[in-house]
């Protein structure tokens, strides 16, 4: 089982998303999304290469979906580690600049 590490950027993304959902749809809906995201992280730990590689975004970058959000992560096979880089709305245009957290 791979180790999952959530970056500060991804943690902030998730907090912002869940806060928005809580304000717009209520805390129960936000809790359901949080559970879906956590379940996705657990699945990645068991199947880290289950999502398609996205070499245009960087080496070993993969993207998973927790609809309508994207979970962008890097899998390092050498040490069996998954680094969650960002979590973004699926309509967001992904770029290397966004993954680094550079201002748009």
PDB file of N, CA and C in Angstrom:
ATOM      1  N   UNK A   1       0.843  -1.172   0.000  1.00  0.00           N
ATOM      2  CA  UNK A   1       0.000   0.000   0.000  1.00  0.00           C
ATOM      3  C   UNK A   1       0.894   1.243   0.000  1.00  0.00           C
ATOM      4  N   UNK A   2       0.624   2.134  -0.933  1.00  0.00           N
ATOM      5  CA  UNK A   2       1.403   3.362  -1.048  1.00  0.00           C
ATOM      6  C   UNK A   2       1.036   4.341   0.066  1.00  0.00           C
ATOM      7  N   UNK A   3       1.989   5.159   0.419  1.00  0.00           N
ATOM      8  CA  UNK A   3       1.766   6.208   1.422  1.00  0.00           C
ATOM      9  C   UNK A   3       1.232   7.440   0.698  1.00  0.00           C
ATOM     10  N   UNK A   4       0.185   8.060   1.226  1.00  0.00           N
ATOM     11  CA  UNK A   4      -0.434   9.247   0.631  1.00  0.00           C
ATOM     12  C   UNK A   4      -0.067  10.467   1.457  1.00  0.00           C
ATOM     13  N   UNK A   5       0.506  11.468   0.791  1.00  0.00           N
ATOM     14  CA  UNK A   5       0.883  12.724   1.441  1.00  0.00           C
ATOM     15  C   UNK A   5       0.102  13.846   0.744  1.00  0.00           C
ATOM     16  N   UNK A   6      -0.604  14.651   1.520  1.00  0.00           N
ATOM     17  CA  UNK A   6      -1.385  15.754   0.972  1.00  0.00           C
ATOM     18  C   UNK A   6      -0.590  17.040   1.155  1.00  0.00           C
ATOM     19  N   UNK A   7      -0.313  17.730   0.041  1.00  0.00           N
ATOM     20  CA  UNK A   7       0.460  18.973   0.101  1.00  0.00           C
ATOM     21  C   UNK A   7      -0.354  20.071   0.781  1.00  0.00           C
ATOM     22  N   UNK A   8       0.343  21.111   1.219  1.00  0.00           N
ATOM     23  CA  UNK A   8      -0.338  22.261   1.820  1.00  0.00           C
ATOM     24  C   UNK A   8      -1.308  22.896   0.823  1.00  0.00           C
ATOM     25  N   UNK A   9      -0.899  22.980  -0.462  1.00  0.00           N
ATOM     26  CA  UNK A   9      -1.776  23.552  -1.486  1.00  0.00           C
ATOM     27  C   UNK A   9      -3.045  22.722  -1.648  1.00  0.00           C
ATOM     28  N   UNK A  10      -2.905  21.402  -1.723  1.00  0.00           N
ATOM     29  CA  UNK A  10      -4.071  20.525  -1.881  1.00  0.00           C
ATOM     30  C   UNK A  10      -4.962  20.594  -0.650  1.00  0.00           C
ATOM     31  N   UNK A  11      -4.358  20.681   0.515  1.00  0.00           N
ATOM     32  CA  UNK A  11      -5.127  20.793   1.752  1.00  0.00           C
ATOM     33  C   UNK A  11      -5.929  22.098   1.755  1.00  0.00           C
ATOM     34  N   UNK A  12      -5.300  23.188   1.330  1.00  0.00           N
ATOM     35  CA  UNK A  12      -5.995  24.481   1.254  1.00  0.00           C
ATOM     36  C   UNK A  12      -7.099  24.443   0.192  1.00  0.00           C
ATOM     37  N   UNK A  13      -6.814  23.808  -0.953  1.00  0.00           N
ATOM     38  CA  UNK A  13      -7.834  23.667  -2.000  1.00  0.00           C
ATOM     39  C   UNK A  13      -9.059  22.952  -1.447  1.00  0.00           C
ATOM     40  N   UNK A  14      -8.827  21.836  -0.759  1.00  0.00           N
ATOM     41  CA  UNK A  14      -9.920  21.028  -0.227  1.00  0.00           C
ATOM     42  C   UNK A  14     -10.714  21.803   0.817  1.00  0.00           C
ATOM     43  N   UNK A  15     -10.027  22.510   1.694  1.00  0.00           N
ATOM     44  CA  UNK A  15     -10.710  23.308   2.716  1.00  0.00           C
ATOM     45  C   UNK A  15     -11.585  24.380   2.066  1.00  0.00           C
ATOM     46  N   UNK A  16     -11.063  25.024   1.030  1.00  0.00           N
ATOM     47  CA  UNK A  16     -11.829  26.058   0.332  1.00  0.00           C
ATOM     48  C   UNK A  16     -13.052  25.449  -0.347  1.00  0.00           C
ATOM     49  N   UNK A  17     -12.850  24.329  -1.037  1.00  0.00           N
ATOM     50  CA  UNK A  17     -13.956  23.659  -1.730  1.00  0.00           C
ATOM     51  C   UNK A  17     -15.031  23.237  -0.732  1.00  0.00           C
ATOM     52  N   UNK A  18     -14.625  22.602   0.358  1.00  0.00           N
ATOM     53  CA  UNK A  18     -15.598  22.139   1.345  1.00  0.00           C
ATOM     54  C   UNK A  18     -16.306  23.311   2.026  1.00  0.00           C
ATOM     55  N   UNK A  19     -15.586  24.404   2.242  1.00  0.00           N
ATOM     56  CA  UNK A  19     -16.214  25.606   2.804  1.00  0.00           C
ATOM     57  C   UNK A  19     -17.264  26.172   1.870  1.00  0.00           C
ATOM     58  N   UNK A  20     -16.941  26.224   0.578  1.00  0.00           N
ATOM     59  CA  UNK A  20     -17.905  26.708  -0.420  1.00  0.00           C
ATOM     60  C   UNK A  20     -19.136  25.812  -0.465  1.00  0.00           C
ATOM     61  N   UNK A  21     -18.915  24.503  -0.455  1.00  0.00           N
ATOM     62  CA  UNK A  21     -20.040  23.559  -0.489  1.00  0.00           C
ATOM     63  C   UNK A  21     -20.898  23.720   0.759  1.00  0.00           C
ATOM     64  N   UNK A  22     -20.263  23.858   1.921  1.00  0.00           N
ATOM     65  CA  UNK A  22     -21.010  24.014   3.176  1.00  0.00           C
ATOM     66  C   UNK A  22     -21.881  25.267   3.128  1.00  0.00           C
ATOM     67  N   UNK A  23     -21.349  26.364   2.605  1.00  0.00           N
ATOM     68  CA  UNK A  23     -22.127  27.607   2.516  1.00  0.00           C
ATOM     69  C   UNK A  23     -23.279  27.476   1.528  1.00  0.00           C
ATOM     70  N   UNK A  24     -23.032  26.813   0.398  1.00  0.00           N
ATOM     71  CA  UNK A  24     -24.036  26.748  -0.662  1.00  0.00           C
ATOM     72  C   UNK A  24     -25.036  25.610  -0.489  1.00  0.00           C
ATOM     73  N   UNK A  25     -24.595  24.479   0.049  1.00  0.00           N
ATOM     74  CA  UNK A  25     -25.474  23.308   0.102  1.00  0.00           C
ATOM     75  C   UNK A  25     -25.623  22.721   1.502  1.00  0.00           C
ATOM     76  N   UNK A  26     -24.860  23.211   2.449  1.00  0.00           N
ATOM     77  CA  UNK A  26     -24.978  22.731   3.820  1.00  0.00           C
ATOM     78  C   UNK A  26     -23.836  21.823   4.238  1.00  0.00           C
ATOM     79  N   UNK A  27     -23.723  21.674   5.550  1.00  0.00           N
ATOM     80  CA  UNK A  27     -22.616  20.914   6.123  1.00  0.00           C
ATOM     81  C   UNK A  27     -22.704  19.419   5.834  1.00  0.00           C
ATOM     82  N   UNK A  28     -23.903  18.885   5.716  1.00  0.00           N
ATOM     83  CA  UNK A  28     -24.031  17.454   5.412  1.00  0.00           C
ATOM     84  C   UNK A  28     -23.498  17.134   4.020  1.00  0.00           C
ATOM     85  N   UNK A  29     -23.787  17.997   3.065  1.00  0.00           N
ATOM     86  CA  UNK A  29     -23.283  17.785   1.705  1.00  0.00           C
ATOM     87  C   UNK A  29     -21.759  17.923   1.694  1.00  0.00           C
ATOM     88  N   UNK A  30     -21.241  18.912   2.407  1.00  0.00           N
ATOM     89  CA  UNK A  30     -19.785  19.086   2.492  1.00  0.00           C
ATOM     90  C   UNK A  30     -19.136  17.858   3.119  1.00  0.00           C
ATOM     91  N   UNK A  31     -19.762  17.307   4.150  1.00  0.00           N
ATOM     92  CA  UNK A  31     -19.223  16.101   4.794  1.00  0.00           C
ATOM     93  C   UNK A  31     -19.215  14.924   3.822  1.00  0.00           C
ATOM     94  N   UNK A  32     -20.231  14.820   2.981  1.00  0.00           N
ATOM     95  CA  UNK A  32     -20.271  13.743   1.979  1.00  0.00           C
ATOM     96  C   UNK A  32     -19.131  13.897   0.973  1.00  0.00           C
ATOM     97  N   UNK A  33     -18.868  15.133   0.529  1.00  0.00           N
ATOM     98  CA  UNK A  33     -17.757  15.355  -0.397  1.00  0.00           C
ATOM     99  C   UNK A  33     -16.424  15.052   0.269  1.00  0.00           C
ATOM    100  N   UNK A  34     -16.286  15.440   1.523  1.00  0.00           N
ATOM    101  CA  UNK A  34     -15.054  15.135   2.244  1.00  0.00           C
ATOM    102  C   UNK A  34     -14.840  13.623   2.319  1.00  0.00           C
ATOM    103  N   UNK A  35     -15.901  12.886   2.586  1.00  0.00           N
ATOM    104  CA  UNK A  35     -15.801  11.421   2.651  1.00  0.00           C
ATOM    105  C   UNK A  35     -15.441  10.845   1.282  1.00  0.00           C
ATOM    106  N   UNK A  36     -15.989  11.407   0.222  1.00  0.00           N
ATOM    107  CA  UNK A  36     -15.662  10.926  -1.129  1.00  0.00           C
ATOM    108  C   UNK A  36     -14.188  11.172  -1.465  1.00  0.00           C
ATOM    109  N   UNK A  37     -13.686  12.328  -1.062  1.00  0.00           N
ATOM    110  CA  UNK A  37     -12.279  12.643  -1.319  1.00  0.00           C
ATOM    111  C   UNK A  37     -11.385  11.695  -0.521  1.00  0.00           C
ATOM    112  N   UNK A  38     -11.701  11.488   0.743  1.00  0.00           N
ATOM    113  CA  UNK A  38     -10.915  10.568   1.583  1.00  0.00           C
ATOM    114  C   UNK A  38     -10.956   9.146   1.025  1.00  0.00           C
ATOM    115  N   UNK A  39     -12.113   8.718   0.560  1.00  0.00           N
ATOM    116  CA  UNK A  39     -12.248   7.384  -0.035  1.00  0.00           C
ATOM    117  C   UNK A  39     -11.380   7.272  -1.286  1.00  0.00           C
ATOM    118  N   UNK A  40     -11.330   8.348  -2.078  1.00  0.00           N
ATOM    119  CA  UNK A  40     -10.481   8.360  -3.266  1.00  0.00           C
ATOM    120  C   UNK A  40      -9.009   8.228  -2.878  1.00  0.00           C
ATOM    121  N   UNK A  41      -8.578   8.943  -1.837  1.00  0.00           N
ATOM    122  CA  UNK A  41      -7.196   8.835  -1.367  1.00  0.00           C
ATOM    123  C   UNK A  41      -6.885   7.402  -0.928  1.00  0.00           C
ATOM    124  N   UNK A  42      -7.831   6.771  -0.245  1.00  0.00           N
ATOM    125  CA  UNK A  42      -7.646   5.382   0.181  1.00  0.00           C
ATOM    126  C   UNK A  42      -7.505   4.457  -1.027  1.00  0.00           C
ATOM    127  N   UNK A  43      -8.316   4.684  -2.058  1.00  0.00           N
ATOM    128  CA  UNK A  43      -8.233   3.882  -3.274  1.00  0.00           C
ATOM    129  C   UNK A  43      -6.873   4.072  -3.951  1.00  0.00           C
ATOM    130  N   UNK A  44      -6.395   5.303  -3.968  1.00  0.00           N
ATOM    131  CA  UNK A  44      -5.079   5.564  -4.568  1.00  0.00           C
ATOM    132  C   UNK A  44      -3.974   4.819  -3.833  1.00  0.00           C
ATOM    133  N   UNK A  45      -4.086   4.736  -2.529  1.00  0.00           N
ATOM    134  CA  UNK A  45      -3.073   4.017  -1.747  1.00  0.00           C
ATOM    135  C   UNK A  45      -2.978   2.566  -2.195  1.00  0.00           C
ATOM    136  N   UNK A  46      -4.111   1.980  -2.559  1.00  0.00           N
ATOM    137  CA  UNK A  46      -4.129   0.590  -3.015  1.00  0.00           C
ATOM    138  C   UNK A  46      -3.794   0.443  -4.502  1.00  0.00           C
ATOM    139  N   UNK A  47      -4.177   1.429  -5.300  1.00  0.00           N
ATOM    140  CA  UNK A  47      -4.005   1.352  -6.752  1.00  0.00           C
ATOM    141  C   UNK A  47      -3.428   2.670  -7.289  1.00  0.00           C
ATOM    142  N   UNK A  48      -2.192   2.995  -6.952  1.00  0.00           N
ATOM    143  CA  UNK A  48      -1.629   4.315  -7.297  1.00  0.00           C
ATOM    144  C   UNK A  48      -1.484   4.583  -8.793  1.00  0.00           C
ATOM    145  N   UNK A  49      -1.397   3.539  -9.589  1.00  0.00           N
ATOM    146  CA  UNK A  49      -1.222   3.746 -11.033  1.00  0.00           C
ATOM    147  C   UNK A  49      -2.528   3.560 -11.799  1.00  0.00           C
ATOM    148  N   UNK A  50      -3.650   3.630 -11.096  1.00  0.00           N
ATOM    149  CA  UNK A  50      -4.936   3.369 -11.732  1.00  0.00           C
ATOM    150  C   UNK A  50      -5.425   4.518 -12.606  1.00  0.00           C
ATOM    151  N   UNK A  51      -4.853   5.672 -12.484  1.00  0.00           N
ATOM    152  CA  UNK A  51      -5.246   6.819 -13.296  1.00  0.00           C
ATOM    153  C   UNK A  51      -4.194   7.074 -14.367  1.00  0.00           C
ATOM    154  N   UNK A  52      -4.658   7.641 -15.473  1.00  0.00           N
ATOM    155  CA  UNK A  52      -3.781   7.867 -16.614  1.00  0.00           C
ATOM    156  C   UNK A  52      -2.729   8.931 -16.310  1.00  0.00           C
ATOM    157  N   UNK A  53      -1.504   8.681 -16.767  1.00  0.00           N
ATOM    158  CA  UNK A  53      -0.410   9.645 -16.596  1.00  0.00           C
ATOM    159  C   UNK A  53      -0.687  10.885 -17.442  1.00  0.00           C
ATOM    160  N   UNK A  54      -0.259  12.027 -16.952  1.00  0.00           N
ATOM    161  CA  UNK A  54      -0.404  13.306 -17.656  1.00  0.00           C
ATOM    162  C   UNK A  54       0.969  13.953 -17.803  1.00  0.00           C
ATOM    163  N   UNK A  55       1.811  13.426 -18.702  1.00  0.00           N
ATOM    164  CA  UNK A  55       3.181  13.920 -18.823  1.00  0.00           C
ATOM    165  C   UNK A  55       3.284  15.403 -19.177  1.00  0.00           C
ATOM    166  N   UNK A  56       2.266  15.975 -19.816  1.00  0.00           N
ATOM    167  CA  UNK A  56       2.315  17.399 -20.137  1.00  0.00           C
ATOM    168  C   UNK A  56       2.292  18.266 -18.886  1.00  0.00           C
ATOM    169  N   UNK A  57       1.786  17.707 -17.791  1.00  0.00           N
ATOM    170  CA  UNK A  57       1.744  18.449 -16.529  1.00  0.00           C
ATOM    171  C   UNK A  57       2.998  18.233 -15.700  1.00  0.00           C
ATOM    172  N   UNK A  58       3.772  17.218 -16.038  1.00  0.00           N
ATOM    173  CA  UNK A  58       5.002  16.948 -15.300  1.00  0.00           C
ATOM    174  C   UNK A  58       5.249  15.457 -15.187  1.00  0.00           C
ATOM    175  N   UNK A  59       6.450  15.142 -14.768  1.00  0.00           N
ATOM    176  CA  UNK A  59       6.850  13.741 -14.628  1.00  0.00           C
ATOM    177  C   UNK A  59       6.015  13.053 -13.556  1.00  0.00           C
ATOM    178  N   UNK A  60       5.452  11.916 -13.916  1.00  0.00           N
ATOM    179  CA  UNK A  60       4.716  11.047 -12.990  1.00  0.00           C
ATOM    180  C   UNK A  60       3.422  11.660 -12.459  1.00  0.00           C
ATOM    181  N   UNK A  61       2.902  12.693 -13.131  1.00  0.00           N
ATOM    182  CA  UNK A  61       1.655  13.334 -12.710  1.00  0.00           C
ATOM    183  C   UNK A  61       0.478  12.536 -13.253  1.00  0.00           C
ATOM    184  N   UNK A  62      -0.522  12.348 -12.400  1.00  0.00           N
ATOM    185  CA  UNK A  62      -1.761  11.673 -12.760  1.00  0.00           C
ATOM    186  C   UNK A  62      -2.926  12.505 -12.231  1.00  0.00           C
ATOM    187  N   UNK A  63      -4.100  12.311 -12.827  1.00  0.00           N
ATOM    188  CA  UNK A  63      -5.278  13.065 -12.423  1.00  0.00           C
ATOM    189  C   UNK A  63      -6.436  12.103 -12.215  1.00  0.00           C
ATOM    190  N   UNK A  64      -7.063  12.195 -11.046  1.00  0.00           N
ATOM    191  CA  UNK A  64      -8.250  11.405 -10.741  1.00  0.00           C
ATOM    192  C   UNK A  64      -9.442  12.320 -10.579  1.00  0.00           C
ATOM    193  N   UNK A  65     -10.625  11.731 -10.603  1.00  0.00           N
ATOM    194  CA  UNK A  65     -11.861  12.514 -10.541  1.00  0.00           C
ATOM    195  C   UNK A  65     -12.680  12.129  -9.319  1.00  0.00           C
ATOM    196  N   UNK A  66     -13.069  13.159  -8.570  1.00  0.00           N
ATOM    197  CA  UNK A  66     -14.103  13.067  -7.549  1.00  0.00           C
ATOM    198  C   UNK A  66     -15.108  14.122  -8.003  1.00  0.00           C
ATOM    199  N   UNK A  67     -15.963  13.727  -8.903  1.00  0.00           N
ATOM    200  CA  UNK A  67     -16.816  14.633  -9.672  1.00  0.00           C
ATOM    201  C   UNK A  67     -17.515  15.657  -8.785  1.00  0.00           C
ATOM    202  N   UNK A  68     -17.449  16.927  -9.168  1.00  0.00           N
ATOM    203  CA  UNK A  68     -16.867  17.515 -10.368  1.00  0.00           C
ATOM    204  C   UNK A  68     -15.424  18.001 -10.181  1.00  0.00           C
ATOM    205  N   UNK A  69     -14.731  17.469  -9.197  1.00  0.00           N
ATOM    206  CA  UNK A  69     -13.379  17.934  -8.878  1.00  0.00           C
ATOM    207  C   UNK A  69     -12.311  16.988  -9.399  1.00  0.00           C
ATOM    208  N   UNK A  70     -11.132  17.556  -9.640  1.00  0.00           N
ATOM    209  CA  UNK A  70      -9.971  16.782 -10.081  1.00  0.00           C
ATOM    210  C   UNK A  70      -8.954  16.731  -8.949  1.00  0.00           C
ATOM    211  N   UNK A  71      -8.386  15.575  -8.759  1.00  0.00           N
ATOM    212  CA  UNK A  71      -7.321  15.395  -7.782  1.00  0.00           C
ATOM    213  C   UNK A  71      -6.047  15.151  -8.581  1.00  0.00           C
ATOM    214  N   UNK A  72      -5.105  16.073  -8.471  1.00  0.00           N
ATOM    215  CA  UNK A  72      -3.854  15.983  -9.219  1.00  0.00           C
ATOM    216  C   UNK A  72      -2.790  15.456  -8.273  1.00  0.00           C
ATOM    217  N   UNK A  73      -2.135  14.374  -8.691  1.00  0.00           N
ATOM    218  CA  UNK A  73      -1.154  13.760  -7.806  1.00  0.00           C
ATOM    219  C   UNK A  73       0.043  13.234  -8.578  1.00  0.00           C
ATOM    220  N   UNK A  74       1.119  13.011  -7.830  1.00  0.00           N
ATOM    221  CA  UNK A  74       2.347  12.440  -8.382  1.00  0.00           C
ATOM    222  C   UNK A  74       2.609  11.136  -7.643  1.00  0.00           C
ATOM    223  N   UNK A  75       2.869  10.085  -8.424  1.00  0.00           N
ATOM    224  CA  UNK A  75       3.199   8.797  -7.814  1.00  0.00           C
ATOM    225  C   UNK A  75       4.672   8.516  -8.028  1.00  0.00           C
ATOM    226  N   UNK A  76       5.408   8.372  -6.933  1.00  0.00           N
ATOM    227  CA  UNK A  76       6.833   8.025  -6.983  1.00  0.00           C
ATOM    228  C   UNK A  76       6.943   6.534  -6.693  1.00  0.00           C
ATOM    229  N   UNK A  77       7.110   5.762  -7.738  1.00  0.00           N
ATOM    230  CA  UNK A  77       7.186   4.311  -7.600  1.00  0.00           C
ATOM    231  C   UNK A  77       8.386   3.890  -6.758  1.00  0.00           C
ATOM    232  N   UNK A  78       9.470   4.640  -6.855  1.00  0.00           N
ATOM    233  CA  UNK A  78      10.708   4.286  -6.159  1.00  0.00           C
ATOM    234  C   UNK A  78      10.528   4.170  -4.644  1.00  0.00           C
ATOM    235  N   UNK A  79       9.689   5.047  -4.069  1.00  0.00           N
ATOM    236  CA  UNK A  79       9.453   4.960  -2.626  1.00  0.00           C
ATOM    237  C   UNK A  79       7.981   4.720  -2.286  1.00  0.00           C
ATOM    238  N   UNK A  80       7.200   4.345  -3.311  1.00  0.00           N
ATOM    239  CA  UNK A  80       5.788   3.992  -3.146  1.00  0.00           C
ATOM    240  C   UNK A  80       5.030   5.088  -2.395  1.00  0.00           C
ATOM    241  N   UNK A  81       5.180   6.328  -2.901  1.00  0.00           N
ATOM    242  CA  UNK A  81       4.554   7.491  -2.281  1.00  0.00           C
ATOM    243  C   UNK A  81       3.693   8.237  -3.288  1.00  0.00           C
ATOM    244  N   UNK A  82       2.509   8.603  -2.839  1.00  0.00           N
ATOM    245  CA  UNK A  82       1.599   9.434  -3.627  1.00  0.00           C
ATOM    246  C   UNK A  82       1.582  10.807  -2.986  1.00  0.00           C
ATOM    247  N   UNK A  83       1.866  11.825  -3.779  1.00  0.00           N
ATOM    248  CA  UNK A  83       1.806  13.200  -3.291  1.00  0.00           C
ATOM    249  C   UNK A  83       0.624  13.885  -3.961  1.00  0.00           C
ATOM    250  N   UNK A  84      -0.387  14.227  -3.173  1.00  0.00           N
ATOM    251  CA  UNK A  84      -1.534  14.961  -3.689  1.00  0.00           C
ATOM    252  C   UNK A  84      -1.068  16.407  -3.841  1.00  0.00           C
ATOM    253  N   UNK A  85      -1.088  16.896  -5.075  1.00  0.00           N
ATOM    254  CA  UNK A  85      -0.534  18.218  -5.368  1.00  0.00           C
ATOM    255  C   UNK A  85      -1.590  19.307  -5.285  1.00  0.00           C
ATOM    256  N   UNK A  86      -2.722  19.091  -5.952  1.00  0.00           N
ATOM    257  CA  UNK A  86      -3.805  20.076  -5.970  1.00  0.00           C
ATOM    258  C   UNK A  86      -5.139  19.362  -6.084  1.00  0.00           C
ATOM    259  N   UNK A  87      -6.200  20.049  -5.700  1.00  0.00           N
ATOM    260  CA  UNK A  87      -7.574  19.615  -5.919  1.00  0.00           C
ATOM    261  C   UNK A  87      -8.272  20.814  -6.545  1.00  0.00           C
ATOM    262  N   UNK A  88      -8.904  20.607  -7.699  1.00  0.00           N
ATOM    263  CA  UNK A  88      -9.479  21.730  -8.440  1.00  0.00           C
ATOM    264  C   UNK A  88     -10.794  21.329  -9.089  1.00  0.00           C
ATOM    265  N   UNK A  89     -11.601  22.321  -9.400  1.00  0.00           N
ATOM    266  CA  UNK A  89     -12.835  22.059 -10.133  1.00  0.00           C
ATOM    267  C   UNK A  89     -12.475  21.528 -11.514  1.00  0.00           C
ATOM    268  N   UNK A  90     -13.273  20.616 -12.004  1.00  0.00           N
ATOM    269  CA  UNK A  90     -13.016  19.979 -13.289  1.00  0.00           C
ATOM    270  C   UNK A  90     -13.014  20.925 -14.474  1.00  0.00           C
ATOM    271  N   UNK A  91     -13.610  22.085 -14.329  1.00  0.00           N
ATOM    272  CA  UNK A  91     -13.614  23.067 -15.419  1.00  0.00           C
ATOM    273  C   UNK A  91     -12.335  23.898 -15.458  1.00  0.00           C
ATOM    274  N   UNK A  92     -11.555  23.781 -14.432  1.00  0.00           N
ATOM    275  CA  UNK A  92     -10.321  24.562 -14.334  1.00  0.00           C
ATOM    276  C   UNK A  92      -9.305  24.080 -15.369  1.00  0.00           C
ATOM    277  N   UNK A  93      -8.646  25.005 -16.015  1.00  0.00           N
ATOM    278  CA  UNK A  93      -7.576  24.632 -16.939  1.00  0.00           C
ATOM    279  C   UNK A  93      -6.331  24.316 -16.113  1.00  0.00           C
ATOM    280  N   UNK A  94      -5.817  23.125 -16.308  1.00  0.00           N
ATOM    281  CA  UNK A  94      -4.641  22.702 -15.554  1.00  0.00           C
ATOM    282  C   UNK A  94      -3.371  23.086 -16.303  1.00  0.00           C
ATOM    283  N   UNK A  95      -2.404  23.564 -15.539  1.00  0.00           N
ATOM    284  CA  UNK A  95      -1.103  23.916 -16.103  1.00  0.00           C
ATOM    285  C   UNK A  95      -0.031  23.656 -15.052  1.00  0.00           C
ATOM    286  N   UNK A  96       1.206  23.614 -15.505  1.00  0.00           N
ATOM    287  CA  UNK A  96       2.306  23.446 -14.544  1.00  0.00           C
ATOM    288  C   UNK A  96       2.349  24.614 -13.568  1.00  0.00           C
ATOM    289  N   UNK A  97       2.036  25.804 -14.065  1.00  0.00           N
ATOM    290  CA  UNK A  97       2.026  26.997 -13.226  1.00  0.00           C
ATOM    291  C   UNK A  97       0.991  26.848 -12.096  1.00  0.00           C
ATOM    292  N   UNK A  98      -0.200  26.362 -12.429  1.00  0.00           N
ATOM    293  CA  UNK A  98      -1.239  26.132 -11.420  1.00  0.00           C
ATOM    294  C   UNK A  98      -0.771  25.097 -10.398  1.00  0.00           C
ATOM    295  N   UNK A  99      -0.134  24.036 -10.860  1.00  0.00           N
ATOM    296  CA  UNK A  99       0.306  22.986  -9.945  1.00  0.00           C
ATOM    297  C   UNK A  99       1.328  23.494  -8.948  1.00  0.00           C
ATOM    298  N   UNK A 100       2.139  24.463  -9.364  1.00  0.00           N
ATOM    299  CA  UNK A 100       3.142  25.042  -8.467  1.00  0.00           C
ATOM    300  C   UNK A 100       2.528  26.031  -7.482  1.00  0.00           C
ATOM    301  N   UNK A 101       1.287  26.444  -7.758  1.00  0.00           N
ATOM    302  CA  UNK A 101       0.631  27.416  -6.881  1.00  0.00           C
ATOM    303  C   UNK A 101       0.939  28.848  -7.248  1.00  0.00           C
ATOM    304  N   UNK A 102       1.510  29.044  -8.447  1.00  0.00           N
ATOM    305  CA  UNK A 102       1.786  30.405  -8.910  1.00  0.00           C
ATOM    306  C   UNK A 102       0.470  31.146  -9.155  1.00  0.00           C
ATOM    307  N   UNK A 103       0.437  32.446  -8.897  1.00  0.00           N
ATOM    308  CA  UNK A 103      -0.780  33.216  -9.167  1.00  0.00           C
ATOM    309  C   UNK A 103      -1.143  33.134 -10.653  1.00  0.00           C
ATOM    310  N   UNK A 104      -2.432  33.130 -10.912  1.00  0.00           N
ATOM    311  CA  UNK A 104      -2.911  33.030 -12.307  1.00  0.00           C
ATOM    312  C   UNK A 104      -2.628  34.257 -13.106  1.00  0.00           C
TER     313      UNK A 104
END
